[in-house]
N, C-alpha and C. Protein backbone atom coordinates (compact mmCIF):
# COMPACT_ATOMS: atom_id res chain seq x y z
N MET A 1 -15.90 -35.67 23.44
CA MET A 1 -14.54 -35.49 22.93
C MET A 1 -13.92 -34.24 23.54
N SER A 2 -12.67 -34.34 23.93
CA SER A 2 -11.99 -33.22 24.56
C SER A 2 -11.76 -32.07 23.58
N LYS A 3 -11.87 -30.84 24.09
CA LYS A 3 -11.58 -29.66 23.27
C LYS A 3 -10.09 -29.37 23.20
N GLY A 4 -9.33 -29.93 24.12
CA GLY A 4 -7.89 -29.71 24.12
C GLY A 4 -7.42 -28.65 25.09
N TYR A 5 -8.15 -28.44 26.20
CA TYR A 5 -7.70 -27.48 27.21
C TYR A 5 -6.43 -27.97 27.90
N THR A 6 -6.28 -29.27 28.00
CA THR A 6 -5.05 -29.87 28.52
C THR A 6 -4.92 -31.25 27.90
N THR A 7 -3.80 -31.89 28.15
CA THR A 7 -3.54 -33.22 27.60
C THR A 7 -2.97 -34.11 28.68
N ARG A 8 -2.97 -35.41 28.43
CA ARG A 8 -2.35 -36.34 29.38
C ARG A 8 -0.87 -36.01 29.56
N THR A 9 -0.19 -35.64 28.48
CA THR A 9 1.23 -35.31 28.57
C THR A 9 1.48 -34.12 29.49
N GLU A 10 0.64 -33.07 29.35
CA GLU A 10 0.79 -31.90 30.22
C GLU A 10 0.54 -32.26 31.68
N ILE A 11 -0.42 -33.14 31.90
CA ILE A 11 -0.72 -33.57 33.27
C ILE A 11 0.43 -34.40 33.83
N GLU A 12 0.98 -35.30 33.03
CA GLU A 12 2.13 -36.10 33.46
C GLU A 12 3.31 -35.20 33.81
N ASN A 13 3.56 -34.18 32.98
CA ASN A 13 4.68 -33.27 33.23
C ASN A 13 4.44 -32.46 34.50
N PHE A 14 3.19 -32.09 34.74
CA PHE A 14 2.88 -31.30 35.93
C PHE A 14 3.06 -32.12 37.20
N LEU A 15 2.60 -33.38 37.17
CA LEU A 15 2.67 -34.24 38.34
C LEU A 15 3.99 -35.00 38.46
N LEU A 16 4.80 -34.94 37.36
CA LEU A 16 6.05 -35.70 37.31
C LEU A 16 5.79 -37.19 37.51
N ILE A 17 4.80 -37.69 36.77
CA ILE A 17 4.45 -39.11 36.82
C ILE A 17 4.24 -39.62 35.40
N THR A 18 4.11 -40.92 35.25
CA THR A 18 3.71 -41.53 33.99
C THR A 18 2.37 -42.22 34.21
N ILE A 19 1.37 -41.85 33.44
CA ILE A 19 0.04 -42.43 33.58
C ILE A 19 -0.01 -43.78 32.88
N ASP A 20 -0.45 -44.79 33.59
CA ASP A 20 -0.56 -46.12 33.02
C ASP A 20 -1.60 -46.10 31.89
N PRO A 21 -1.29 -46.72 30.75
CA PRO A 21 -2.22 -46.73 29.61
C PRO A 21 -3.61 -47.25 29.94
N THR A 22 -3.71 -48.15 30.93
CA THR A 22 -5.03 -48.67 31.29
C THR A 22 -5.89 -47.60 31.96
N PHE A 23 -5.29 -46.48 32.33
CA PHE A 23 -5.98 -45.39 33.01
C PHE A 23 -6.31 -44.23 32.05
N TYR A 24 -5.91 -44.36 30.77
CA TYR A 24 -6.08 -43.27 29.80
C TYR A 24 -7.53 -42.83 29.65
N THR A 25 -8.44 -43.79 29.52
CA THR A 25 -9.85 -43.45 29.30
C THR A 25 -10.41 -42.65 30.46
N GLN A 26 -10.07 -43.05 31.68
CA GLN A 26 -10.56 -42.32 32.85
C GLN A 26 -10.01 -40.90 32.89
N VAL A 27 -8.72 -40.73 32.60
CA VAL A 27 -8.11 -39.40 32.59
C VAL A 27 -8.75 -38.54 31.50
N ASP A 28 -8.98 -39.13 30.33
CA ASP A 28 -9.62 -38.38 29.25
C ASP A 28 -11.02 -37.91 29.67
N ASN A 29 -11.74 -38.75 30.38
CA ASN A 29 -13.08 -38.37 30.86
C ASN A 29 -12.98 -37.23 31.87
N TRP A 30 -11.97 -37.27 32.73
CA TRP A 30 -11.78 -36.18 33.69
C TRP A 30 -11.44 -34.87 32.98
N ILE A 31 -10.65 -34.97 31.93
CA ILE A 31 -10.32 -33.77 31.15
C ILE A 31 -11.59 -33.15 30.59
N ILE A 32 -12.47 -33.97 30.02
CA ILE A 32 -13.73 -33.47 29.48
C ILE A 32 -14.59 -32.85 30.57
N ASP A 33 -14.65 -33.50 31.73
CA ASP A 33 -15.43 -32.96 32.86
C ASP A 33 -14.90 -31.59 33.29
N ILE A 34 -13.58 -31.45 33.37
CA ILE A 34 -12.99 -30.17 33.79
C ILE A 34 -13.19 -29.11 32.73
N GLU A 35 -13.15 -29.47 31.46
CA GLU A 35 -13.44 -28.50 30.40
C GLU A 35 -14.86 -27.96 30.55
N LYS A 36 -15.80 -28.85 30.83
CA LYS A 36 -17.19 -28.42 31.05
C LYS A 36 -17.28 -27.52 32.27
N TYR A 37 -16.57 -27.88 33.33
CA TYR A 37 -16.58 -27.08 34.55
C TYR A 37 -16.03 -25.68 34.28
N ILE A 38 -14.92 -25.59 33.56
CA ILE A 38 -14.33 -24.29 33.24
C ILE A 38 -15.29 -23.46 32.39
N ASP A 39 -15.91 -24.08 31.40
CA ASP A 39 -16.86 -23.35 30.55
C ASP A 39 -18.05 -22.85 31.36
N GLN A 40 -18.56 -23.69 32.25
CA GLN A 40 -19.71 -23.30 33.08
C GLN A 40 -19.35 -22.18 34.04
N GLN A 41 -18.15 -22.24 34.62
CA GLN A 41 -17.72 -21.23 35.58
C GLN A 41 -17.49 -19.87 34.92
N THR A 42 -17.03 -19.88 33.69
CA THR A 42 -16.68 -18.63 33.01
C THR A 42 -17.75 -18.16 32.03
N GLY A 43 -18.63 -19.07 31.59
CA GLY A 43 -19.61 -18.71 30.57
C GLY A 43 -18.99 -18.58 29.20
N ARG A 44 -17.87 -19.27 28.98
CA ARG A 44 -17.15 -19.14 27.70
C ARG A 44 -16.79 -20.50 27.13
N ASN A 45 -16.39 -20.48 25.86
CA ASN A 45 -15.85 -21.63 25.16
C ASN A 45 -14.47 -21.21 24.68
N PHE A 46 -13.41 -21.84 25.21
CA PHE A 46 -12.06 -21.32 24.98
C PHE A 46 -11.38 -21.85 23.72
N VAL A 47 -11.98 -22.78 23.02
CA VAL A 47 -11.47 -23.21 21.73
C VAL A 47 -12.61 -23.09 20.73
N ALA A 48 -12.50 -22.13 19.83
CA ALA A 48 -13.61 -21.79 18.94
C ALA A 48 -13.94 -22.91 17.96
N ASP A 49 -15.18 -22.87 17.48
CA ASP A 49 -15.61 -23.79 16.43
C ASP A 49 -14.71 -23.61 15.20
N THR A 50 -14.43 -24.69 14.51
CA THR A 50 -13.62 -24.59 13.29
C THR A 50 -14.49 -24.41 12.06
N VAL A 51 -15.80 -24.64 12.21
CA VAL A 51 -16.75 -24.46 11.11
C VAL A 51 -17.76 -23.40 11.52
N ALA A 52 -18.05 -22.46 10.62
CA ALA A 52 -19.01 -21.39 10.93
C ALA A 52 -20.43 -21.96 10.99
N VAL A 53 -21.16 -21.60 12.03
CA VAL A 53 -22.54 -22.02 12.19
C VAL A 53 -23.39 -20.80 12.55
N ALA A 54 -24.69 -20.91 12.33
CA ALA A 54 -25.60 -19.79 12.55
C ALA A 54 -26.12 -19.78 13.99
N ARG A 55 -26.23 -18.57 14.56
CA ARG A 55 -26.91 -18.35 15.82
C ARG A 55 -27.88 -17.19 15.63
N TYR A 56 -28.92 -17.17 16.45
CA TYR A 56 -29.97 -16.17 16.28
C TYR A 56 -30.06 -15.28 17.51
N PHE A 57 -30.24 -13.98 17.26
CA PHE A 57 -30.22 -12.99 18.33
C PHE A 57 -31.41 -12.05 18.21
N ASP A 58 -31.72 -11.37 19.33
CA ASP A 58 -32.76 -10.34 19.36
C ASP A 58 -32.12 -8.97 19.19
N GLY A 59 -32.77 -8.12 18.42
CA GLY A 59 -32.31 -6.75 18.28
C GLY A 59 -33.07 -5.82 19.21
N ASP A 60 -32.66 -4.56 19.25
CA ASP A 60 -33.36 -3.58 20.09
C ASP A 60 -33.57 -2.25 19.34
N ASN A 61 -33.65 -2.36 18.00
CA ASN A 61 -33.86 -1.19 17.13
C ASN A 61 -32.69 -0.21 17.16
N SER A 62 -31.51 -0.69 17.54
CA SER A 62 -30.32 0.14 17.48
C SER A 62 -29.36 -0.45 16.45
N ARG A 63 -28.26 0.21 16.24
CA ARG A 63 -27.27 -0.27 15.27
C ARG A 63 -26.27 -1.23 15.91
N GLU A 64 -26.39 -1.45 17.22
CA GLU A 64 -25.43 -2.30 17.92
C GLU A 64 -26.06 -3.62 18.36
N LEU A 65 -25.27 -4.69 18.27
CA LEU A 65 -25.75 -6.01 18.68
C LEU A 65 -24.64 -6.70 19.48
N LEU A 66 -24.95 -7.05 20.72
CA LEU A 66 -24.03 -7.84 21.53
C LEU A 66 -24.20 -9.31 21.17
N ILE A 67 -23.09 -9.99 20.94
CA ILE A 67 -23.14 -11.38 20.51
C ILE A 67 -22.28 -12.24 21.43
N ASP A 68 -22.42 -13.56 21.28
CA ASP A 68 -21.54 -14.49 21.98
C ASP A 68 -20.11 -14.30 21.46
N ASP A 69 -19.14 -14.74 22.25
CA ASP A 69 -17.74 -14.67 21.80
C ASP A 69 -17.60 -15.34 20.45
N ALA A 70 -16.87 -14.70 19.54
CA ALA A 70 -16.62 -15.27 18.22
C ALA A 70 -15.23 -14.88 17.74
N VAL A 71 -14.61 -15.76 16.96
CA VAL A 71 -13.31 -15.44 16.38
C VAL A 71 -13.45 -15.03 14.91
N ALA A 72 -14.62 -15.26 14.34
CA ALA A 72 -14.89 -14.84 12.96
C ALA A 72 -16.39 -14.77 12.74
N ILE A 73 -16.82 -13.76 11.99
CA ILE A 73 -18.21 -13.62 11.57
C ILE A 73 -18.21 -13.59 10.05
N THR A 74 -18.96 -14.47 9.44
CA THR A 74 -18.94 -14.58 7.98
C THR A 74 -20.18 -13.99 7.32
N GLU A 75 -21.30 -13.91 8.07
CA GLU A 75 -22.53 -13.42 7.45
C GLU A 75 -23.51 -12.94 8.53
N ILE A 76 -24.24 -11.89 8.20
CA ILE A 76 -25.31 -11.40 9.06
C ILE A 76 -26.55 -11.23 8.20
N VAL A 77 -27.67 -11.75 8.65
CA VAL A 77 -28.93 -11.59 7.94
C VAL A 77 -29.88 -10.80 8.83
N VAL A 78 -30.31 -9.64 8.34
CA VAL A 78 -31.26 -8.77 9.05
C VAL A 78 -32.49 -8.63 8.17
N GLY A 79 -33.58 -9.27 8.58
CA GLY A 79 -34.78 -9.26 7.74
C GLY A 79 -34.50 -9.94 6.41
N ASP A 80 -34.72 -9.21 5.33
CA ASP A 80 -34.45 -9.75 3.99
C ASP A 80 -33.08 -9.34 3.47
N THR A 81 -32.30 -8.69 4.31
CA THR A 81 -31.00 -8.18 3.87
C THR A 81 -29.88 -9.05 4.39
N THR A 82 -29.05 -9.53 3.48
CA THR A 82 -27.88 -10.33 3.85
C THR A 82 -26.63 -9.47 3.73
N LEU A 83 -25.90 -9.37 4.83
CA LEU A 83 -24.67 -8.59 4.84
C LEU A 83 -23.50 -9.56 4.87
N ILE A 84 -22.59 -9.41 3.93
CA ILE A 84 -21.43 -10.29 3.86
C ILE A 84 -20.23 -9.57 4.44
N ALA A 85 -19.49 -10.26 5.27
CA ALA A 85 -18.31 -9.65 5.87
C ALA A 85 -17.25 -9.39 4.81
N ASP A 86 -16.64 -8.21 4.87
CA ASP A 86 -15.53 -7.90 3.99
C ASP A 86 -14.30 -8.67 4.44
N THR A 87 -13.29 -8.70 3.57
CA THR A 87 -12.03 -9.32 3.96
C THR A 87 -11.47 -8.62 5.20
N ASP A 88 -11.61 -7.31 5.24
CA ASP A 88 -11.23 -6.52 6.41
C ASP A 88 -12.48 -5.86 6.96
N PRO A 89 -13.10 -6.41 8.00
CA PRO A 89 -14.35 -5.84 8.52
C PRO A 89 -14.20 -4.42 9.04
N LEU A 90 -12.96 -3.98 9.30
CA LEU A 90 -12.76 -2.62 9.78
C LEU A 90 -12.62 -1.62 8.65
N ASP A 91 -12.69 -2.10 7.42
CA ASP A 91 -12.60 -1.22 6.25
C ASP A 91 -13.77 -0.24 6.25
N ALA A 92 -13.51 0.97 5.83
CA ALA A 92 -14.54 2.02 5.85
C ALA A 92 -15.72 1.71 4.93
N ASP A 93 -15.51 0.82 3.95
CA ASP A 93 -16.59 0.50 3.00
C ASP A 93 -17.44 -0.67 3.47
N GLY A 94 -17.15 -1.25 4.61
CA GLY A 94 -17.89 -2.42 5.06
C GLY A 94 -19.30 -2.07 5.52
N ASP A 95 -20.18 -3.09 5.54
CA ASP A 95 -21.56 -2.90 6.01
C ASP A 95 -21.64 -2.85 7.53
N PHE A 96 -20.65 -3.41 8.18
CA PHE A 96 -20.64 -3.44 9.64
C PHE A 96 -19.22 -3.50 10.13
N ILE A 97 -19.03 -3.20 11.41
CA ILE A 97 -17.72 -3.29 12.03
C ILE A 97 -17.83 -4.10 13.32
N PHE A 98 -16.70 -4.66 13.72
CA PHE A 98 -16.65 -5.51 14.91
C PHE A 98 -15.98 -4.77 16.07
N TYR A 99 -16.36 -5.18 17.26
CA TYR A 99 -15.70 -4.69 18.47
C TYR A 99 -15.39 -5.87 19.38
N PRO A 100 -14.28 -5.81 20.14
CA PRO A 100 -13.30 -4.73 20.15
C PRO A 100 -12.49 -4.70 18.86
N ALA A 101 -11.97 -3.53 18.52
CA ALA A 101 -11.23 -3.36 17.28
C ALA A 101 -9.89 -4.11 17.34
N ASN A 102 -9.63 -4.86 16.27
CA ASN A 102 -8.34 -5.56 16.12
C ASN A 102 -8.02 -6.50 17.28
N GLU A 103 -9.05 -7.11 17.83
CA GLU A 103 -8.84 -7.98 18.99
C GLU A 103 -9.91 -9.06 19.01
N LEU A 104 -9.54 -10.22 19.53
CA LEU A 104 -10.50 -11.31 19.70
C LEU A 104 -10.70 -11.55 21.19
N PRO A 105 -11.89 -12.03 21.58
CA PRO A 105 -13.01 -12.39 20.72
C PRO A 105 -13.85 -11.18 20.30
N ILE A 106 -14.56 -11.34 19.19
CA ILE A 106 -15.55 -10.34 18.77
C ILE A 106 -16.75 -10.48 19.70
N THR A 107 -17.21 -9.37 20.26
CA THR A 107 -18.34 -9.42 21.18
C THR A 107 -19.47 -8.47 20.79
N LYS A 108 -19.21 -7.60 19.80
CA LYS A 108 -20.24 -6.64 19.40
C LYS A 108 -20.13 -6.33 17.91
N ILE A 109 -21.29 -6.18 17.28
CA ILE A 109 -21.36 -5.79 15.88
C ILE A 109 -22.11 -4.47 15.79
N THR A 110 -21.57 -3.54 15.02
CA THR A 110 -22.25 -2.26 14.78
C THR A 110 -22.50 -2.11 13.29
N LEU A 111 -23.76 -1.90 12.92
CA LEU A 111 -24.11 -1.68 11.52
C LEU A 111 -23.84 -0.22 11.16
N ARG A 112 -23.47 0.01 9.90
CA ARG A 112 -23.16 1.37 9.47
C ARG A 112 -24.42 2.16 9.11
N SER A 113 -25.43 1.49 8.55
CA SER A 113 -26.61 2.24 8.10
C SER A 113 -27.92 1.64 8.60
N LEU A 114 -28.02 0.32 8.67
CA LEU A 114 -29.25 -0.33 9.12
C LEU A 114 -29.31 -0.39 10.65
N THR A 115 -30.43 -0.85 11.16
CA THR A 115 -30.57 -1.12 12.60
C THR A 115 -31.00 -2.57 12.78
N PHE A 116 -30.77 -3.08 13.97
CA PHE A 116 -31.18 -4.44 14.30
C PHE A 116 -32.59 -4.38 14.88
N PRO A 117 -33.61 -4.86 14.15
CA PRO A 117 -34.99 -4.72 14.61
C PRO A 117 -35.28 -5.57 15.84
N SER A 118 -36.21 -5.13 16.65
CA SER A 118 -36.57 -5.87 17.86
C SER A 118 -37.60 -6.96 17.57
N TYR A 119 -38.18 -6.92 16.37
CA TYR A 119 -39.19 -7.93 16.00
C TYR A 119 -38.89 -8.42 14.59
N PRO A 120 -39.02 -9.72 14.34
CA PRO A 120 -39.43 -10.79 15.26
C PRO A 120 -38.31 -11.18 16.22
N LEU A 121 -38.70 -11.85 17.31
CA LEU A 121 -37.71 -12.33 18.24
C LEU A 121 -36.78 -13.34 17.56
N ARG A 122 -35.55 -13.29 17.92
CA ARG A 122 -34.52 -14.14 17.32
C ARG A 122 -34.50 -13.98 15.80
N GLY A 123 -34.76 -12.77 15.37
CA GLY A 123 -34.86 -12.51 13.94
C GLY A 123 -33.56 -12.11 13.27
N ILE A 124 -32.48 -12.09 14.03
CA ILE A 124 -31.18 -11.71 13.46
C ILE A 124 -30.30 -12.95 13.41
N LYS A 125 -29.89 -13.30 12.22
CA LYS A 125 -29.06 -14.49 12.02
C LYS A 125 -27.61 -14.07 11.85
N VAL A 126 -26.77 -14.60 12.71
CA VAL A 126 -25.34 -14.31 12.63
C VAL A 126 -24.60 -15.63 12.46
N THR A 127 -23.84 -15.75 11.40
CA THR A 127 -23.07 -16.96 11.13
C THR A 127 -21.60 -16.69 11.44
N GLY A 128 -21.02 -17.54 12.26
CA GLY A 128 -19.63 -17.31 12.63
C GLY A 128 -19.00 -18.52 13.29
N LYS A 129 -17.75 -18.35 13.66
CA LYS A 129 -17.02 -19.37 14.40
C LYS A 129 -17.01 -18.92 15.86
N TRP A 130 -17.75 -19.64 16.70
CA TRP A 130 -18.04 -19.18 18.05
C TRP A 130 -17.02 -19.71 19.05
N GLY A 131 -16.52 -18.80 19.87
CA GLY A 131 -15.56 -19.17 20.91
C GLY A 131 -14.67 -18.00 21.27
N TYR A 132 -13.97 -18.15 22.37
CA TYR A 132 -13.14 -17.07 22.90
C TYR A 132 -11.86 -16.87 22.11
N SER A 133 -11.28 -17.96 21.63
CA SER A 133 -10.00 -17.89 20.93
C SER A 133 -9.84 -19.10 20.02
N VAL A 134 -8.91 -18.98 19.09
CA VAL A 134 -8.65 -20.10 18.18
C VAL A 134 -7.98 -21.24 18.95
N ALA A 135 -6.99 -20.89 19.77
CA ALA A 135 -6.29 -21.86 20.60
C ALA A 135 -6.53 -21.51 22.07
N CYS A 136 -6.57 -22.50 22.91
CA CYS A 136 -6.85 -22.28 24.34
C CYS A 136 -5.77 -21.38 24.95
N PRO A 137 -6.16 -20.31 25.67
CA PRO A 137 -5.17 -19.44 26.32
C PRO A 137 -4.29 -20.22 27.29
N THR A 138 -3.05 -19.76 27.42
CA THR A 138 -2.07 -20.48 28.24
C THR A 138 -2.52 -20.63 29.69
N ASP A 139 -3.10 -19.57 30.27
CA ASP A 139 -3.49 -19.67 31.68
C ASP A 139 -4.69 -20.59 31.88
N ILE A 140 -5.55 -20.71 30.87
CA ILE A 140 -6.66 -21.66 30.96
C ILE A 140 -6.13 -23.09 30.82
N ARG A 141 -5.13 -23.28 29.96
CA ARG A 141 -4.51 -24.61 29.85
C ARG A 141 -3.91 -25.01 31.19
N HIS A 142 -3.24 -24.06 31.84
CA HIS A 142 -2.64 -24.36 33.14
C HIS A 142 -3.73 -24.68 34.16
N ALA A 143 -4.81 -23.91 34.15
CA ALA A 143 -5.91 -24.16 35.08
C ALA A 143 -6.48 -25.55 34.89
N ALA A 144 -6.71 -25.94 33.65
CA ALA A 144 -7.25 -27.28 33.37
C ALA A 144 -6.28 -28.36 33.83
N THR A 145 -5.00 -28.14 33.60
CA THR A 145 -3.99 -29.12 34.00
C THR A 145 -3.97 -29.30 35.51
N VAL A 146 -4.00 -28.19 36.24
CA VAL A 146 -3.98 -28.24 37.71
C VAL A 146 -5.23 -28.95 38.23
N LEU A 147 -6.38 -28.62 37.67
CA LEU A 147 -7.63 -29.20 38.18
C LEU A 147 -7.71 -30.71 37.92
N VAL A 148 -7.32 -31.14 36.73
CA VAL A 148 -7.33 -32.58 36.46
C VAL A 148 -6.27 -33.28 37.32
N SER A 149 -5.13 -32.63 37.50
CA SER A 149 -4.09 -33.21 38.36
C SER A 149 -4.60 -33.38 39.78
N GLY A 150 -5.41 -32.43 40.24
CA GLY A 150 -6.00 -32.55 41.57
C GLY A 150 -6.90 -33.76 41.70
N ILE A 151 -7.68 -34.02 40.65
CA ILE A 151 -8.56 -35.19 40.67
C ILE A 151 -7.74 -36.47 40.70
N ILE A 152 -6.65 -36.49 39.93
CA ILE A 152 -5.80 -37.69 39.89
C ILE A 152 -5.17 -37.93 41.25
N THR A 153 -4.65 -36.89 41.88
CA THR A 153 -4.03 -37.09 43.18
C THR A 153 -5.05 -37.44 44.24
N ASN A 154 -6.32 -37.09 44.00
CA ASN A 154 -7.38 -37.50 44.92
C ASN A 154 -7.57 -39.01 44.87
N ALA A 155 -7.28 -39.60 43.70
CA ALA A 155 -7.42 -41.05 43.56
C ALA A 155 -6.16 -41.80 43.97
N TRP A 156 -5.12 -41.05 44.29
CA TRP A 156 -3.83 -41.63 44.67
C TRP A 156 -3.71 -41.57 46.18
N THR A 157 -3.33 -42.66 46.84
CA THR A 157 -3.43 -42.69 48.31
C THR A 157 -2.12 -43.00 49.04
N PRO A 158 -0.99 -42.41 48.63
CA PRO A 158 0.19 -42.60 49.46
C PRO A 158 0.11 -41.75 50.71
N GLU A 159 0.95 -41.99 51.67
CA GLU A 159 1.01 -41.13 52.84
C GLU A 159 1.57 -39.78 52.42
N GLY A 160 1.13 -38.76 53.06
CA GLY A 160 1.64 -37.44 52.73
C GLY A 160 0.71 -36.36 53.19
N ILE A 161 0.99 -35.14 52.75
CA ILE A 161 0.20 -33.98 53.13
C ILE A 161 -1.11 -33.98 52.35
N VAL A 162 -2.18 -33.63 52.99
CA VAL A 162 -3.48 -33.59 52.33
C VAL A 162 -4.05 -32.18 52.41
N GLN A 163 -4.49 -31.66 51.24
CA GLN A 163 -5.19 -30.38 51.20
C GLN A 163 -6.44 -30.58 50.37
N GLN A 164 -7.59 -30.40 50.96
CA GLN A 164 -8.84 -30.68 50.26
C GLN A 164 -9.57 -29.40 49.88
N GLU A 165 -10.04 -29.34 48.64
CA GLU A 165 -10.82 -28.22 48.14
C GLU A 165 -11.97 -28.78 47.30
N SER A 166 -13.04 -28.02 47.18
CA SER A 166 -14.16 -28.41 46.33
C SER A 166 -14.03 -27.73 44.98
N VAL A 167 -14.08 -28.52 43.92
CA VAL A 167 -14.01 -28.02 42.55
C VAL A 167 -15.20 -28.61 41.80
N GLY A 168 -16.24 -27.82 41.61
CA GLY A 168 -17.43 -28.36 40.97
C GLY A 168 -17.99 -29.50 41.79
N ARG A 169 -18.24 -30.63 41.14
CA ARG A 169 -18.79 -31.78 41.85
C ARG A 169 -17.70 -32.69 42.41
N TYR A 170 -16.45 -32.26 42.28
CA TYR A 170 -15.35 -33.06 42.79
C TYR A 170 -14.83 -32.48 44.10
N SER A 171 -14.44 -33.36 44.99
CA SER A 171 -13.72 -32.96 46.18
C SER A 171 -12.27 -33.34 45.94
N VAL A 172 -11.43 -32.34 45.73
CA VAL A 172 -10.06 -32.58 45.31
C VAL A 172 -9.14 -32.58 46.52
N SER A 173 -8.46 -33.69 46.74
CA SER A 173 -7.49 -33.78 47.83
C SER A 173 -6.09 -33.94 47.22
N TYR A 174 -5.23 -32.98 47.48
CA TYR A 174 -3.85 -33.10 47.04
C TYR A 174 -3.07 -33.88 48.10
N LYS A 175 -2.38 -34.93 47.69
CA LYS A 175 -1.59 -35.73 48.61
C LYS A 175 -0.17 -35.84 48.05
N LEU A 176 0.79 -35.27 48.73
CA LEU A 176 2.16 -35.30 48.25
C LEU A 176 3.11 -35.66 49.39
N GLN A 177 4.15 -36.43 49.08
CA GLN A 177 5.15 -36.79 50.06
C GLN A 177 6.28 -35.77 50.05
N GLY A 178 7.05 -35.77 51.11
CA GLY A 178 8.24 -34.94 51.15
C GLY A 178 7.96 -33.54 51.64
N GLU A 179 9.02 -32.74 51.69
CA GLU A 179 8.92 -31.40 52.24
C GLU A 179 9.07 -30.33 51.17
N LEU A 180 9.24 -30.69 49.91
CA LEU A 180 9.45 -29.70 48.86
C LEU A 180 8.20 -28.87 48.60
N ILE A 181 7.04 -29.52 48.71
CA ILE A 181 5.78 -28.82 48.48
C ILE A 181 4.93 -28.97 49.74
N ASN A 182 4.49 -27.89 50.31
CA ASN A 182 3.72 -28.00 51.53
C ASN A 182 2.26 -27.66 51.31
N ASN A 183 1.50 -27.84 52.37
CA ASN A 183 0.06 -27.63 52.33
C ASN A 183 -0.32 -26.26 51.77
N GLN A 184 0.32 -25.22 52.26
CA GLN A 184 -0.03 -23.86 51.88
C GLN A 184 0.25 -23.61 50.40
N MET A 185 1.36 -24.13 49.89
CA MET A 185 1.69 -23.94 48.48
C MET A 185 0.63 -24.56 47.57
N LEU A 186 0.13 -25.73 47.96
CA LEU A 186 -0.89 -26.40 47.16
C LEU A 186 -2.20 -25.62 47.19
N LYS A 187 -2.55 -25.13 48.35
CA LYS A 187 -3.77 -24.35 48.47
C LYS A 187 -3.67 -23.08 47.63
N GLU A 188 -2.50 -22.44 47.64
CA GLU A 188 -2.32 -21.23 46.86
C GLU A 188 -2.42 -21.51 45.36
N ARG A 189 -1.91 -22.67 44.94
CA ARG A 189 -1.99 -23.03 43.52
C ARG A 189 -3.44 -23.16 43.08
N LEU A 190 -4.26 -23.86 43.86
CA LEU A 190 -5.66 -24.02 43.52
C LEU A 190 -6.40 -22.69 43.61
N ASP A 191 -6.09 -21.90 44.63
CA ASP A 191 -6.72 -20.58 44.75
C ASP A 191 -6.43 -19.72 43.52
N GLN A 192 -5.19 -19.79 43.03
CA GLN A 192 -4.82 -19.00 41.86
C GLN A 192 -5.59 -19.45 40.62
N VAL A 193 -5.77 -20.76 40.50
CA VAL A 193 -6.53 -21.30 39.37
C VAL A 193 -7.96 -20.76 39.40
N LEU A 194 -8.59 -20.78 40.57
CA LEU A 194 -9.97 -20.30 40.68
C LEU A 194 -10.05 -18.80 40.42
N LYS A 195 -9.03 -18.05 40.80
CA LYS A 195 -8.98 -16.62 40.49
C LYS A 195 -8.86 -16.40 38.98
N THR A 196 -8.08 -17.26 38.33
CA THR A 196 -7.94 -17.17 36.87
C THR A 196 -9.30 -17.35 36.20
N LEU A 197 -10.06 -18.33 36.65
CA LEU A 197 -11.39 -18.57 36.06
C LEU A 197 -12.30 -17.37 36.33
N ASP A 198 -12.23 -16.80 37.51
CA ASP A 198 -13.04 -15.62 37.83
C ASP A 198 -12.70 -14.46 36.90
N SER A 199 -11.42 -14.33 36.54
CA SER A 199 -11.00 -13.21 35.69
C SER A 199 -11.56 -13.32 34.27
N TYR A 200 -11.91 -14.53 33.85
CA TYR A 200 -12.46 -14.76 32.52
C TYR A 200 -13.98 -14.78 32.52
N LYS A 201 -14.59 -14.69 33.68
CA LYS A 201 -16.04 -14.87 33.78
C LYS A 201 -16.78 -13.84 32.95
N LYS A 202 -17.73 -14.32 32.17
CA LYS A 202 -18.53 -13.45 31.31
C LYS A 202 -19.83 -13.11 32.02
N TYR A 203 -20.11 -11.83 32.12
CA TYR A 203 -21.32 -11.37 32.81
C TYR A 203 -22.34 -10.90 31.80
N SER A 204 -23.60 -11.23 32.04
CA SER A 204 -24.70 -10.80 31.18
C SER A 204 -25.53 -9.77 31.93
N PHE A 205 -25.87 -8.70 31.25
CA PHE A 205 -26.64 -7.63 31.86
C PHE A 205 -28.01 -7.50 31.19
């Protein structure tokens, strides 16, 4: 099922075409494939879970814990101690605080008094809604739209200009008639999309 990085309507508007209903299932499958490609390229999930689920992490005997991207943390269990998130996690009376401050996604938790033990492995339970943002960022939506549009135009074979690029396991050939859009403009559009994905790439140290 698609996460909603782009839609058939957005793709139709981008390409200035109407997709035949008999082609809907194939386009939907391409959308899912491109969502997976974007997630793999960046190491992120751009539409967060709507239900909080538990993930387990290793500590290092410090008060800080790096976590996966999250838009909300509802509970932390350290050993036999359960810490419940306050309504305002940045409140001075809270058991822990989130970083970055006043910004999503949450990527780090700092305990005020306890430490995150290094043993047992995966002994820290963090329950939250995992993902980069509640709604897909605008530039990622555009990237998904451009990439799926590239796949569609690869399947379209009118005469015209051809610009071929590799996107994951797809070889994307843009084919357009007329002089309004040229080879270089199309290449720049795809290059910009790939730069956008690079800017979101999550690095692990």
